[in-house]
Amino acid sequence: MSDSIMLEKAKDFAVEIVTVCRSIKETKRESVMTNQLIRSGTSVGANIHESKYGQGTADFISKMQIALKECYESEYWLELLNRTRFLEDEKYKELQNLCGSIRCMLISSINTTKANNEKSK
């Protein structure tokens, strides 16, 4: 899967996160978890974008691993918002699926890059 597809999915995810969190803040007056989710959810794409301009393979892998960690953190905040009934089940499942899709692409990209790097040594 191409990095541009992954980056576009990450941008779509970030937009959805910002939109959902804005709505939760306005209608349900919750800001602690939503602020955390905005940080992690928008960081995924930022780190994928930054990885494209890394200083070599190690830097690329590092940025992609940070994006992966932010993806896992986003899944945590989404689950917590859902379990505390700030986020409806349908929207939760939609966002979890998108986040999971990005996570799978990140893992694949990291593993492929590591394997290719080992072969070139």
PDB file of N, CA and C in Angstrom:
ATOM      1  N   MET A   1       0.846  -1.184   0.000  1.00  0.00           N
ATOM      2  CA  MET A   1       0.000   0.000   0.000  1.00  0.00           C
ATOM      3  C   MET A   1       0.882   1.233   0.000  1.00  0.00           C
ATOM      4  N   SER A   2       0.553   2.167  -0.807  1.00  0.00           N
ATOM      5  CA  SER A   2       1.356   3.367  -0.973  1.00  0.00           C
ATOM      6  C   SER A   2       1.258   4.286   0.241  1.00  0.00           C
ATOM      7  N   ASP A   3       2.375   4.978   0.509  1.00  0.00           N
ATOM      8  CA  ASP A   3       2.394   5.926   1.623  1.00  0.00           C
ATOM      9  C   ASP A   3       1.355   7.020   1.439  1.00  0.00           C
ATOM     10  N   SER A   4       1.096   7.414   0.187  1.00  0.00           N
ATOM     11  CA  SER A   4       0.133   8.492  -0.029  1.00  0.00           C
ATOM     12  C   SER A   4      -1.284   8.050   0.351  1.00  0.00           C
ATOM     13  N   ILE A   5      -1.615   6.789   0.114  1.00  0.00           N
ATOM     14  CA  ILE A   5      -2.929   6.279   0.523  1.00  0.00           C
ATOM     15  C   ILE A   5      -3.022   6.269   2.046  1.00  0.00           C
ATOM     16  N   MET A   6      -1.946   5.810   2.689  1.00  0.00           N
ATOM     17  CA  MET A   6      -1.916   5.784   4.155  1.00  0.00           C
ATOM     18  C   MET A   6      -2.026   7.203   4.709  1.00  0.00           C
ATOM     19  N   LEU A   7      -1.299   8.127   4.115  1.00  0.00           N
ATOM     20  CA  LEU A   7      -1.339   9.514   4.580  1.00  0.00           C
ATOM     21  C   LEU A   7      -2.728  10.116   4.377  1.00  0.00           C
ATOM     22  N   GLU A   8      -3.348   9.842   3.252  1.00  0.00           N
ATOM     23  CA  GLU A   8      -4.702  10.358   3.009  1.00  0.00           C
ATOM     24  C   GLU A   8      -5.695   9.788   4.014  1.00  0.00           C
ATOM     25  N   LYS A   9      -5.576   8.496   4.329  1.00  0.00           N
ATOM     26  CA  LYS A   9      -6.449   7.895   5.344  1.00  0.00           C
ATOM     27  C   LYS A   9      -6.202   8.537   6.707  1.00  0.00           C
ATOM     28  N   ALA A  10      -4.939   8.807   7.011  1.00  0.00           N
ATOM     29  CA  ALA A  10      -4.599   9.446   8.288  1.00  0.00           C
ATOM     30  C   ALA A  10      -5.157  10.864   8.358  1.00  0.00           C
ATOM     31  N   LYS A  11      -5.135  11.571   7.245  1.00  0.00           N
ATOM     32  CA  LYS A  11      -5.719  12.922   7.211  1.00  0.00           C
ATOM     33  C   LYS A  11      -7.233  12.853   7.395  1.00  0.00           C
ATOM     34  N   ASP A  12      -7.863  11.892   6.708  1.00  0.00           N
ATOM     35  CA  ASP A  12      -9.313  11.711   6.873  1.00  0.00           C
ATOM     36  C   ASP A  12      -9.648  11.389   8.326  1.00  0.00           C
ATOM     37  N   PHE A  13      -8.831  10.527   8.936  1.00  0.00           N
ATOM     38  CA  PHE A  13      -9.017  10.168  10.338  1.00  0.00           C
ATOM     39  C   PHE A  13      -8.906  11.410  11.225  1.00  0.00           C
ATOM     40  N   ALA A  14      -7.884  12.223  10.984  1.00  0.00           N
ATOM     41  CA  ALA A  14      -7.679  13.441  11.781  1.00  0.00           C
ATOM     42  C   ALA A  14      -8.879  14.381  11.663  1.00  0.00           C
ATOM     43  N   VAL A  15      -9.385  14.554  10.452  1.00  0.00           N
ATOM     44  CA  VAL A  15     -10.545  15.434  10.247  1.00  0.00           C
ATOM     45  C   VAL A  15     -11.757  14.894  11.009  1.00  0.00           C
ATOM     46  N   GLU A  16     -11.974  13.591  10.922  1.00  0.00           N
ATOM     47  CA  GLU A  16     -13.094  12.974  11.651  1.00  0.00           C
ATOM     48  C   GLU A  16     -12.935  13.154  13.155  1.00  0.00           C
ATOM     49  N   ILE A  17     -11.726  12.961  13.649  1.00  0.00           N
ATOM     50  CA  ILE A  17     -11.454  13.107  15.085  1.00  0.00           C
ATOM     51  C   ILE A  17     -11.747  14.535  15.540  1.00  0.00           C
ATOM     52  N   VAL A  18     -11.246  15.505  14.807  1.00  0.00           N
ATOM     53  CA  VAL A  18     -11.470  16.908  15.177  1.00  0.00           C
ATOM     54  C   VAL A  18     -12.967  17.218  15.166  1.00  0.00           C
ATOM     55  N   THR A  19     -13.667  16.745  14.148  1.00  0.00           N
ATOM     56  CA  THR A  19     -15.104  17.003  14.031  1.00  0.00           C
ATOM     57  C   THR A  19     -15.878  16.374  15.193  1.00  0.00           C
ATOM     58  N   VAL A  20     -15.585  15.117  15.481  1.00  0.00           N
ATOM     59  CA  VAL A  20     -16.274  14.412  16.568  1.00  0.00           C
ATOM     60  C   VAL A  20     -15.964  15.061  17.911  1.00  0.00           C
ATOM     61  N   CYS A  21     -14.698  15.363  18.143  1.00  0.00           N
ATOM     62  CA  CYS A  21     -14.313  15.962  19.428  1.00  0.00           C
ATOM     63  C   CYS A  21     -14.940  17.345  19.608  1.00  0.00           C
ATOM     64  N   ARG A  22     -15.001  18.108  18.545  1.00  0.00           N
ATOM     65  CA  ARG A  22     -15.645  19.425  18.622  1.00  0.00           C
ATOM     66  C   ARG A  22     -17.104  19.267  19.030  1.00  0.00           C
ATOM     67  N   SER A  23     -17.775  18.305  18.428  1.00  0.00           N
ATOM     68  CA  SER A  23     -19.184  18.056  18.745  1.00  0.00           C
ATOM     69  C   SER A  23     -19.360  17.616  20.198  1.00  0.00           C
ATOM     70  N   ILE A  24     -18.508  16.710  20.651  1.00  0.00           N
ATOM     71  CA  ILE A  24     -18.597  16.238  22.040  1.00  0.00           C
ATOM     72  C   ILE A  24     -18.358  17.395  23.007  1.00  0.00           C
ATOM     73  N   LYS A  25     -17.376  18.232  22.705  1.00  0.00           N
ATOM     74  CA  LYS A  25     -17.092  19.382  23.587  1.00  0.00           C
ATOM     75  C   LYS A  25     -18.285  20.327  23.660  1.00  0.00           C
ATOM     76  N   GLU A  26     -18.917  20.574  22.509  1.00  0.00           N
ATOM     77  CA  GLU A  26     -20.031  21.522  22.465  1.00  0.00           C
ATOM     78  C   GLU A  26     -21.298  20.962  23.105  1.00  0.00           C
ATOM     79  N   THR A  27     -21.601  19.700  22.852  1.00  0.00           N
ATOM     80  CA  THR A  27     -22.881  19.153  23.301  1.00  0.00           C
ATOM     81  C   THR A  27     -22.818  18.476  24.667  1.00  0.00           C
ATOM     82  N   LYS A  28     -21.658  17.911  25.004  1.00  0.00           N
ATOM     83  CA  LYS A  28     -21.581  17.133  26.244  1.00  0.00           C
ATOM     84  C   LYS A  28     -20.586  17.699  27.242  1.00  0.00           C
ATOM     85  N   ARG A  29     -19.954  18.772  26.861  1.00  0.00           N
ATOM     86  CA  ARG A  29     -19.038  19.489  27.765  1.00  0.00           C
ATOM     87  C   ARG A  29     -17.913  18.616  28.334  1.00  0.00           C
ATOM     88  N   GLU A  30     -17.384  17.739  27.500  1.00  0.00           N
ATOM     89  CA  GLU A  30     -16.256  16.903  27.907  1.00  0.00           C
ATOM     90  C   GLU A  30     -15.024  17.403  27.176  1.00  0.00           C
ATOM     91  N   SER A  31     -13.938  17.657  27.914  1.00  0.00           N
ATOM     92  CA  SER A  31     -12.752  18.177  27.234  1.00  0.00           C
ATOM     93  C   SER A  31     -11.462  17.430  27.547  1.00  0.00           C
ATOM     94  N   VAL A  32     -11.386  16.712  28.632  1.00  0.00           N
ATOM     95  CA  VAL A  32     -10.136  16.032  29.005  1.00  0.00           C
ATOM     96  C   VAL A  32      -9.801  14.935  27.996  1.00  0.00           C
ATOM     97  N   MET A  33     -10.724  14.007  27.781  1.00  0.00           N
ATOM     98  CA  MET A  33     -10.470  12.900  26.853  1.00  0.00           C
ATOM     99  C   MET A  33     -10.440  13.374  25.408  1.00  0.00           C
ATOM    100  N   THR A  34     -11.308  14.322  25.072  1.00  0.00           N
ATOM    101  CA  THR A  34     -11.332  14.795  23.687  1.00  0.00           C
ATOM    102  C   THR A  34     -10.045  15.531  23.328  1.00  0.00           C
ATOM    103  N   ASN A  35      -9.501  16.305  24.258  1.00  0.00           N
ATOM    104  CA  ASN A  35      -8.223  16.981  23.984  1.00  0.00           C
ATOM    105  C   ASN A  35      -7.110  15.967  23.741  1.00  0.00           C
ATOM    106  N   GLN A  36      -7.090  14.895  24.528  1.00  0.00           N
ATOM    107  CA  GLN A  36      -6.088  13.843  24.350  1.00  0.00           C
ATOM    108  C   GLN A  36      -6.257  13.166  22.992  1.00  0.00           C
ATOM    109  N   LEU A  37      -7.515  12.895  22.622  1.00  0.00           N
ATOM    110  CA  LEU A  37      -7.789  12.241  21.347  1.00  0.00           C
ATOM    111  C   LEU A  37      -7.412  13.142  20.174  1.00  0.00           C
ATOM    112  N   ILE A  38      -7.673  14.418  20.286  1.00  0.00           N
ATOM    113  CA  ILE A  38      -7.274  15.343  19.210  1.00  0.00           C
ATOM    114  C   ILE A  38      -5.761  15.314  19.028  1.00  0.00           C
ATOM    115  N   ARG A  39      -5.025  15.323  20.127  1.00  0.00           N
ATOM    116  CA  ARG A  39      -3.558  15.295  20.037  1.00  0.00           C
ATOM    117  C   ARG A  39      -3.060  14.029  19.354  1.00  0.00           C
ATOM    118  N   SER A  40      -3.528  12.883  19.837  1.00  0.00           N
ATOM    119  CA  SER A  40      -3.040  11.616  19.272  1.00  0.00           C
ATOM    120  C   SER A  40      -3.585  11.378  17.865  1.00  0.00           C
ATOM    121  N   GLY A  41      -4.840  11.690  17.650  1.00  0.00           N
ATOM    122  CA  GLY A  41      -5.468  11.439  16.354  1.00  0.00           C
ATOM    123  C   GLY A  41      -4.905  12.272  15.217  1.00  0.00           C
ATOM    124  N   THR A  42      -4.498  13.492  15.513  1.00  0.00           N
ATOM    125  CA  THR A  42      -3.904  14.338  14.473  1.00  0.00           C
ATOM    126  C   THR A  42      -2.409  14.064  14.326  1.00  0.00           C
ATOM    127  N   SER A  43      -1.800  13.513  15.355  1.00  0.00           N
ATOM    128  CA  SER A  43      -0.374  13.211  15.323  1.00  0.00           C
ATOM    129  C   SER A  43      -0.035  12.044  14.400  1.00  0.00           C
ATOM    130  N   VAL A  44      -0.975  11.143  14.206  1.00  0.00           N
ATOM    131  CA  VAL A  44      -0.735   9.983  13.338  1.00  0.00           C
ATOM    132  C   VAL A  44      -0.296  10.461  11.952  1.00  0.00           C
ATOM    133  N   GLY A  45      -1.121  11.264  11.333  1.00  0.00           N
ATOM    134  CA  GLY A  45      -0.816  11.760   9.987  1.00  0.00           C
ATOM    135  C   GLY A  45       0.398  12.670   9.947  1.00  0.00           C
ATOM    136  N   ALA A  46       0.571  13.466  10.988  1.00  0.00           N
ATOM    137  CA  ALA A  46       1.725  14.366  11.028  1.00  0.00           C
ATOM    138  C   ALA A  46       3.025  13.575  11.014  1.00  0.00           C
ATOM    139  N   ASN A  47       3.070  12.479  11.747  1.00  0.00           N
ATOM    140  CA  ASN A  47       4.284  11.662  11.783  1.00  0.00           C
ATOM    141  C   ASN A  47       4.484  10.878  10.491  1.00  0.00           C
ATOM    142  N   ILE A  48       3.410  10.421   9.868  1.00  0.00           N
ATOM    143  CA  ILE A  48       3.529   9.761   8.565  1.00  0.00           C
ATOM    144  C   ILE A  48       4.081  10.757   7.553  1.00  0.00           C
ATOM    145  N   HIS A  49       3.542  11.966   7.563  1.00  0.00           N
ATOM    146  CA  HIS A  49       4.005  13.013   6.650  1.00  0.00           C
ATOM    147  C   HIS A  49       5.485  13.322   6.894  1.00  0.00           C
ATOM    148  N   GLU A  50       5.838  13.462   8.140  1.00  0.00           N
ATOM    149  CA  GLU A  50       7.221  13.786   8.489  1.00  0.00           C
ATOM    150  C   GLU A  50       8.178  12.654   8.100  1.00  0.00           C
ATOM    151  N   SER A  51       7.714  11.417   8.153  1.00  0.00           N
ATOM    152  CA  SER A  51       8.584  10.273   7.826  1.00  0.00           C
ATOM    153  C   SER A  51       9.071  10.325   6.381  1.00  0.00           C
ATOM    154  N   LYS A  52       8.272  10.936   5.515  1.00  0.00           N
ATOM    155  CA  LYS A  52       8.652  11.036   4.105  1.00  0.00           C
ATOM    156  C   LYS A  52       9.898  11.891   3.914  1.00  0.00           C
ATOM    157  N   TYR A  53      10.208  12.700   4.888  1.00  0.00           N
ATOM    158  CA  TYR A  53      11.348  13.613   4.788  1.00  0.00           C
ATOM    159  C   TYR A  53      12.417  13.284   5.825  1.00  0.00           C
ATOM    160  N   GLY A  54      12.438  12.018   6.248  1.00  0.00           N
ATOM    161  CA  GLY A  54      13.386  11.573   7.256  1.00  0.00           C
ATOM    162  C   GLY A  54      14.818  11.563   6.738  1.00  0.00           C
ATOM    163  N   GLN A  55      15.731  11.518   7.678  1.00  0.00           N
ATOM    164  CA  GLN A  55      17.156  11.494   7.354  1.00  0.00           C
ATOM    165  C   GLN A  55      17.641  10.052   7.319  1.00  0.00           C
ATOM    166  N   GLY A  56      17.127   9.285   6.388  1.00  0.00           N
ATOM    167  CA  GLY A  56      17.538   7.899   6.250  1.00  0.00           C
ATOM    168  C   GLY A  56      16.484   6.927   6.751  1.00  0.00           C
ATOM    169  N   THR A  57      16.802   5.661   6.606  1.00  0.00           N
ATOM    170  CA  THR A  57      15.865   4.590   6.934  1.00  0.00           C
ATOM    171  C   THR A  57      15.516   4.552   8.415  1.00  0.00           C
ATOM    172  N   ALA A  58      16.514   4.713   9.272  1.00  0.00           N
ATOM    173  CA  ALA A  58      16.258   4.657  10.719  1.00  0.00           C
ATOM    174  C   ALA A  58      15.295   5.763  11.146  1.00  0.00           C
ATOM    175  N   ASP A  59      15.459   6.946  10.597  1.00  0.00           N
ATOM    176  CA  ASP A  59      14.577   8.063  10.931  1.00  0.00           C
ATOM    177  C   ASP A  59      13.169   7.796  10.396  1.00  0.00           C
ATOM    178  N   PHE A  60      13.089   7.257   9.178  1.00  0.00           N
ATOM    179  CA  PHE A  60      11.789   6.904   8.601  1.00  0.00           C
ATOM    180  C   PHE A  60      11.062   5.917   9.515  1.00  0.00           C
ATOM    181  N   ILE A  61      11.757   4.849   9.911  1.00  0.00           N
ATOM    182  CA  ILE A  61      11.150   3.829  10.776  1.00  0.00           C
ATOM    183  C   ILE A  61      10.730   4.437  12.112  1.00  0.00           C
ATOM    184  N   SER A  62      11.563   5.283  12.657  1.00  0.00           N
ATOM    185  CA  SER A  62      11.252   5.920  13.943  1.00  0.00           C
ATOM    186  C   SER A  62       9.964   6.739  13.858  1.00  0.00           C
ATOM    187  N   LYS A  63       9.820   7.540  12.807  1.00  0.00           N
ATOM    188  CA  LYS A  63       8.616   8.364  12.650  1.00  0.00           C
ATOM    189  C   LYS A  63       7.371   7.489  12.455  1.00  0.00           C
ATOM    190  N   MET A  64       7.532   6.411  11.688  1.00  0.00           N
ATOM    191  CA  MET A  64       6.399   5.514  11.459  1.00  0.00           C
ATOM    192  C   MET A  64       6.014   4.791  12.754  1.00  0.00           C
ATOM    193  N   GLN A  65       7.002   4.448  13.577  1.00  0.00           N
ATOM    194  CA  GLN A  65       6.706   3.810  14.863  1.00  0.00           C
ATOM    195  C   GLN A  65       6.011   4.787  15.811  1.00  0.00           C
ATOM    196  N   ILE A  66       6.390   6.049  15.758  1.00  0.00           N
ATOM    197  CA  ILE A  66       5.693   7.063  16.559  1.00  0.00           C
ATOM    198  C   ILE A  66       4.246   7.175  16.086  1.00  0.00           C
ATOM    199  N   ALA A  67       4.040   7.193  14.773  1.00  0.00           N
ATOM    200  CA  ALA A  67       2.677   7.240  14.227  1.00  0.00           C
ATOM    201  C   ALA A  67       1.868   6.040  14.706  1.00  0.00           C
ATOM    202  N   LEU A  68       2.508   4.873  14.737  1.00  0.00           N
ATOM    203  CA  LEU A  68       1.834   3.657  15.205  1.00  0.00           C
ATOM    204  C   LEU A  68       1.448   3.779  16.681  1.00  0.00           C
ATOM    205  N   LYS A  69       2.344   4.300  17.496  1.00  0.00           N
ATOM    206  CA  LYS A  69       2.042   4.500  18.913  1.00  0.00           C
ATOM    207  C   LYS A  69       0.880   5.469  19.092  1.00  0.00           C
ATOM    208  N   GLU A  70       0.853   6.522  18.291  1.00  0.00           N
ATOM    209  CA  GLU A  70      -0.246   7.496  18.360  1.00  0.00           C
ATOM    210  C   GLU A  70      -1.559   6.855  17.919  1.00  0.00           C
ATOM    211  N   CYS A  71      -1.472   5.939  16.984  1.00  0.00           N
ATOM    212  CA  CYS A  71      -2.643   5.203  16.523  1.00  0.00           C
ATOM    213  C   CYS A  71      -3.214   4.363  17.668  1.00  0.00           C
ATOM    214  N   TYR A  72      -2.336   3.641  18.361  1.00  0.00           N
ATOM    215  CA  TYR A  72      -2.775   2.845  19.514  1.00  0.00           C
ATOM    216  C   TYR A  72      -3.371   3.738  20.600  1.00  0.00           C
ATOM    217  N   GLU A  73      -2.755   4.890  20.837  1.00  0.00           N
ATOM    218  CA  GLU A  73      -3.290   5.800  21.852  1.00  0.00           C
ATOM    219  C   GLU A  73      -4.673   6.305  21.446  1.00  0.00           C
ATOM    220  N   SER A  74      -4.839   6.607  20.173  1.00  0.00           N
ATOM    221  CA  SER A  74      -6.147   7.070  19.689  1.00  0.00           C
ATOM    222  C   SER A  74      -7.214   6.010  19.911  1.00  0.00           C
ATOM    223  N   GLU A  75      -6.864   4.751  19.664  1.00  0.00           N
ATOM    224  CA  GLU A  75      -7.815   3.665  19.899  1.00  0.00           C
ATOM    225  C   GLU A  75      -8.226   3.619  21.367  1.00  0.00           C
ATOM    226  N   TYR A  76      -7.285   3.867  22.257  1.00  0.00           N
ATOM    227  CA  TYR A  76      -7.579   3.884  23.700  1.00  0.00           C
ATOM    228  C   TYR A  76      -8.594   4.983  24.029  1.00  0.00           C
ATOM    229  N   TRP A  77      -8.329   6.209  23.559  1.00  0.00           N
ATOM    230  CA  TRP A  77      -9.223   7.325  23.882  1.00  0.00           C
ATOM    231  C   TRP A  77     -10.595   7.131  23.255  1.00  0.00           C
ATOM    232  N   LEU A  78     -10.636   6.579  22.047  1.00  0.00           N
ATOM    233  CA  LEU A  78     -11.927   6.296  21.419  1.00  0.00           C
ATOM    234  C   LEU A  78     -12.730   5.305  22.263  1.00  0.00           C
ATOM    235  N   GLU A  79     -12.062   4.255  22.715  1.00  0.00           N
ATOM    236  CA  GLU A  79     -12.752   3.257  23.541  1.00  0.00           C
ATOM    237  C   GLU A  79     -13.248   3.870  24.847  1.00  0.00           C
ATOM    238  N   LEU A  80     -12.414   4.681  25.462  1.00  0.00           N
ATOM    239  CA  LEU A  80     -12.805   5.311  26.721  1.00  0.00           C
ATOM    240  C   LEU A  80     -13.999   6.252  26.529  1.00  0.00           C
ATOM    241  N   LEU A  81     -13.981   7.031  25.462  1.00  0.00           N
ATOM    242  CA  LEU A  81     -15.113   7.915  25.175  1.00  0.00           C
ATOM    243  C   LEU A  81     -16.384   7.104  24.921  1.00  0.00           C
ATOM    244  N   ASN A  82     -16.243   5.973  24.254  1.00  0.00           N
ATOM    245  CA  ASN A  82     -17.391   5.122  23.997  1.00  0.00           C
ATOM    246  C   ASN A  82     -17.905   4.481  25.279  1.00  0.00           C
ATOM    247  N   ARG A  83     -17.008   3.970  26.088  1.00  0.00           N
ATOM    248  CA  ARG A  83     -17.418   3.291  27.322  1.00  0.00           C
ATOM    249  C   ARG A  83     -18.014   4.246  28.349  1.00  0.00           C
ATOM    250  N   THR A  84     -17.657   5.526  28.258  1.00  0.00           N
ATOM    251  CA  THR A  84     -18.231   6.526  29.167  1.00  0.00           C
ATOM    252  C   THR A  84     -19.439   7.221  28.537  1.00  0.00           C
ATOM    253  N   ARG A  85     -19.861   6.726  27.397  1.00  0.00           N
ATOM    254  CA  ARG A  85     -21.067   7.166  26.685  1.00  0.00           C
ATOM    255  C   ARG A  85     -21.010   8.593  26.136  1.00  0.00           C
ATOM    256  N   PHE A  86     -19.802   9.074  25.903  1.00  0.00           N
ATOM    257  CA  PHE A  86     -19.661  10.352  25.216  1.00  0.00           C
ATOM    258  C   PHE A  86     -19.650  10.161  23.705  1.00  0.00           C
ATOM    259  N   LEU A  87     -19.322   8.946  23.257  1.00  0.00           N
ATOM    260  CA  LEU A  87     -19.235   8.631  21.829  1.00  0.00           C
ATOM    261  C   LEU A  87     -20.152   7.451  21.530  1.00  0.00           C
ATOM    262  N   GLU A  88     -21.076   7.672  20.597  1.00  0.00           N
ATOM    263  CA  GLU A  88     -22.057   6.648  20.250  1.00  0.00           C
ATOM    264  C   GLU A  88     -21.376   5.439  19.592  1.00  0.00           C
ATOM    265  N   ASP A  89     -22.000   4.275  19.749  1.00  0.00           N
ATOM    266  CA  ASP A  89     -21.438   3.022  19.236  1.00  0.00           C
ATOM    267  C   ASP A  89     -21.131   3.071  17.742  1.00  0.00           C
ATOM    268  N   GLU A  90     -22.059   3.592  16.953  1.00  0.00           N
ATOM    269  CA  GLU A  90     -21.872   3.597  15.499  1.00  0.00           C
ATOM    270  C   GLU A  90     -20.645   4.420  15.094  1.00  0.00           C
ATOM    271  N   LYS A  91     -20.511   5.608  15.662  1.00  0.00           N
ATOM    272  CA  LYS A  91     -19.369   6.468  15.335  1.00  0.00           C
ATOM    273  C   LYS A  91     -18.079   5.855  15.878  1.00  0.00           C
ATOM    274  N   TYR A  92     -18.164   5.249  17.044  1.00  0.00           N
ATOM    275  CA  TYR A  92     -17.005   4.581  17.636  1.00  0.00           C
ATOM    276  C   TYR A  92     -16.487   3.482  16.706  1.00  0.00           C
ATOM    277  N   LYS A  93     -17.380   2.633  16.233  1.00  0.00           N
ATOM    278  CA  LYS A  93     -16.990   1.537  15.344  1.00  0.00           C
ATOM    279  C   LYS A  93     -16.389   2.065  14.043  1.00  0.00           C
ATOM    280  N   GLU A  94     -16.976   3.112  13.508  1.00  0.00           N
ATOM    281  CA  GLU A  94     -16.467   3.718  12.274  1.00  0.00           C
ATOM    282  C   GLU A  94     -15.040   4.233  12.465  1.00  0.00           C
ATOM    283  N   LEU A  95     -14.824   4.964  13.549  1.00  0.00           N
ATOM    284  CA  LEU A  95     -13.495   5.519  13.811  1.00  0.00           C
ATOM    285  C   LEU A  95     -12.483   4.433  14.173  1.00  0.00           C
ATOM    286  N   GLN A  96     -12.911   3.421  14.915  1.00  0.00           N
ATOM    287  CA  GLN A  96     -12.031   2.301  15.258  1.00  0.00           C
ATOM    288  C   GLN A  96     -11.605   1.556  13.994  1.00  0.00           C
ATOM    289  N   ASN A  97     -12.537   1.371  13.067  1.00  0.00           N
ATOM    290  CA  ASN A  97     -12.207   0.676  11.815  1.00  0.00           C
ATOM    291  C   ASN A  97     -11.194   1.471  10.997  1.00  0.00           C
ATOM    292  N   LEU A  98     -11.388   2.766  10.912  1.00  0.00           N
ATOM    293  CA  LEU A  98     -10.455   3.604  10.169  1.00  0.00           C
ATOM    294  C   LEU A  98      -9.081   3.601  10.831  1.00  0.00           C
ATOM    295  N   CYS A  99      -9.075   3.726  12.140  1.00  0.00           N
ATOM    296  CA  CYS A  99      -7.820   3.709  12.892  1.00  0.00           C
ATOM    297  C   CYS A  99      -7.125   2.353  12.735  1.00  0.00           C
ATOM    298  N   GLY A 100      -7.898   1.278  12.800  1.00  0.00           N
ATOM    299  CA  GLY A 100      -7.339  -0.058  12.630  1.00  0.00           C
ATOM    300  C   GLY A 100      -6.746  -0.264  11.256  1.00  0.00           C
ATOM    301  N   SER A 101      -7.390   0.290  10.245  1.00  0.00           N
ATOM    302  CA  SER A 101      -6.890   0.203   8.880  1.00  0.00           C
ATOM    303  C   SER A 101      -5.535   0.914   8.751  1.00  0.00           C
ATOM    304  N   ILE A 102      -5.442   2.094   9.333  1.00  0.00           N
ATOM    305  CA  ILE A 102      -4.180   2.852   9.324  1.00  0.00           C
ATOM    306  C   ILE A 102      -3.112   2.083  10.093  1.00  0.00           C
ATOM    307  N   ARG A 103      -3.486   1.525  11.240  1.00  0.00           N
ATOM    308  CA  ARG A 103      -2.551   0.754  12.058  1.00  0.00           C
ATOM    309  C   ARG A 103      -1.967  -0.408  11.261  1.00  0.00           C
ATOM    310  N   CYS A 104      -2.820  -1.141  10.549  1.00  0.00           N
ATOM    311  CA  CYS A 104      -2.343  -2.272   9.746  1.00  0.00           C
ATOM    312  C   CYS A 104      -1.375  -1.816   8.658  1.00  0.00           C
ATOM    313  N   MET A 105      -1.674  -0.697   8.024  1.00  0.00           N
ATOM    314  CA  MET A 105      -0.782  -0.168   6.990  1.00  0.00           C
ATOM    315  C   MET A 105       0.558   0.258   7.587  1.00  0.00           C
ATOM    316  N   LEU A 106       0.501   0.875   8.762  1.00  0.00           N
ATOM    317  CA  LEU A 106       1.747   1.288   9.429  1.00  0.00           C
ATOM    318  C   LEU A 106       2.614   0.078   9.772  1.00  0.00           C
ATOM    319  N   ILE A 107       2.005  -0.945  10.343  1.00  0.00           N
ATOM    320  CA  ILE A 107       2.749  -2.155  10.712  1.00  0.00           C
ATOM    321  C   ILE A 107       3.378  -2.776   9.470  1.00  0.00           C
ATOM    322  N   SER A 108       2.615  -2.866   8.406  1.00  0.00           N
ATOM    323  CA  SER A 108       3.117  -3.438   7.162  1.00  0.00           C
ATOM    324  C   SER A 108       4.288  -2.627   6.610  1.00  0.00           C
ATOM    325  N   SER A 109       4.138  -1.321   6.610  1.00  0.00           N
ATOM    326  CA  SER A 109       5.187  -0.441   6.096  1.00  0.00           C
ATOM    327  C   SER A 109       6.464  -0.545   6.932  1.00  0.00           C
ATOM    328  N   ILE A 110       6.310  -0.563   8.234  1.00  0.00           N
ATOM    329  CA  ILE A 110       7.468  -0.683   9.135  1.00  0.00           C
ATOM    330  C   ILE A 110       8.172  -2.022   8.907  1.00  0.00           C
ATOM    331  N   ASN A 111       7.399  -3.103   8.867  1.00  0.00           N
ATOM    332  CA  ASN A 111       7.985  -4.429   8.678  1.00  0.00           C
ATOM    333  C   ASN A 111       8.680  -4.567   7.322  1.00  0.00           C
ATOM    334  N   THR A 112       8.058  -4.044   6.279  1.00  0.00           N
ATOM    335  CA  THR A 112       8.655  -4.104   4.939  1.00  0.00           C
ATOM    336  C   THR A 112       9.952  -3.308   4.887  1.00  0.00           C
ATOM    337  N   THR A 113       9.943  -2.118   5.463  1.00  0.00           N
ATOM    338  CA  THR A 113      11.141  -1.287   5.463  1.00  0.00           C
ATOM    339  C   THR A 113      12.265  -1.954   6.240  1.00  0.00           C
ATOM    340  N   LYS A 114      11.934  -2.530   7.386  1.00  0.00           N
ATOM    341  CA  LYS A 114      12.949  -3.234   8.177  1.00  0.00           C
ATOM    342  C   LYS A 114      13.526  -4.414   7.388  1.00  0.00           C
ATOM    343  N   ALA A 115      12.660  -5.191   6.740  1.00  0.00           N
ATOM    344  CA  ALA A 115      13.114  -6.352   5.983  1.00  0.00           C
ATOM    345  C   ALA A 115      13.993  -5.926   4.804  1.00  0.00           C
ATOM    346  N   ASN A 116      13.573  -4.896   4.096  1.00  0.00           N
ATOM    347  CA  ASN A 116      14.373  -4.397   2.963  1.00  0.00           C
ATOM    348  C   ASN A 116      15.699  -3.845   3.432  1.00  0.00           C
ATOM    349  N   ASN A 117      15.695  -3.207   4.584  1.00  0.00           N
ATOM    350  CA  ASN A 117      16.929  -2.644   5.149  1.00  0.00           C
ATOM    351  C   ASN A 117      17.915  -3.755   5.515  1.00  0.00           C
ATOM    352  N   GLU A 118      17.391  -4.854   6.061  1.00  0.00           N
ATOM    353  CA  GLU A 118      18.232  -6.002   6.422  1.00  0.00           C
ATOM    354  C   GLU A 118      18.844  -6.657   5.183  1.00  0.00           C
ATOM    355  N   LYS A 119      18.038  -6.745   4.110  1.00  0.00           N
ATOM    356  CA  LYS A 119      18.525  -7.356   2.863  1.00  0.00           C
ATOM    357  C   LYS A 119      19.647  -6.549   2.240  1.00  0.00           C
ATOM    358  N   SER A 120      19.586  -5.238   2.408  1.00  0.00           N
ATOM    359  CA  SER A 120      20.579  -4.371   1.753  1.00  0.00           C
ATOM    360  C   SER A 120      21.901  -4.298   2.525  1.00  0.00           C
ATOM    361  N   LYS A 121      21.946  -4.899   3.690  1.00  0.00           N
ATOM    362  CA  LYS A 121      23.184  -4.860   4.486  1.00  0.00           C
ATOM    363  C   LYS A 121      24.177  -5.885   4.045  1.00  0.00           C
TER     364      LYS A 121
END
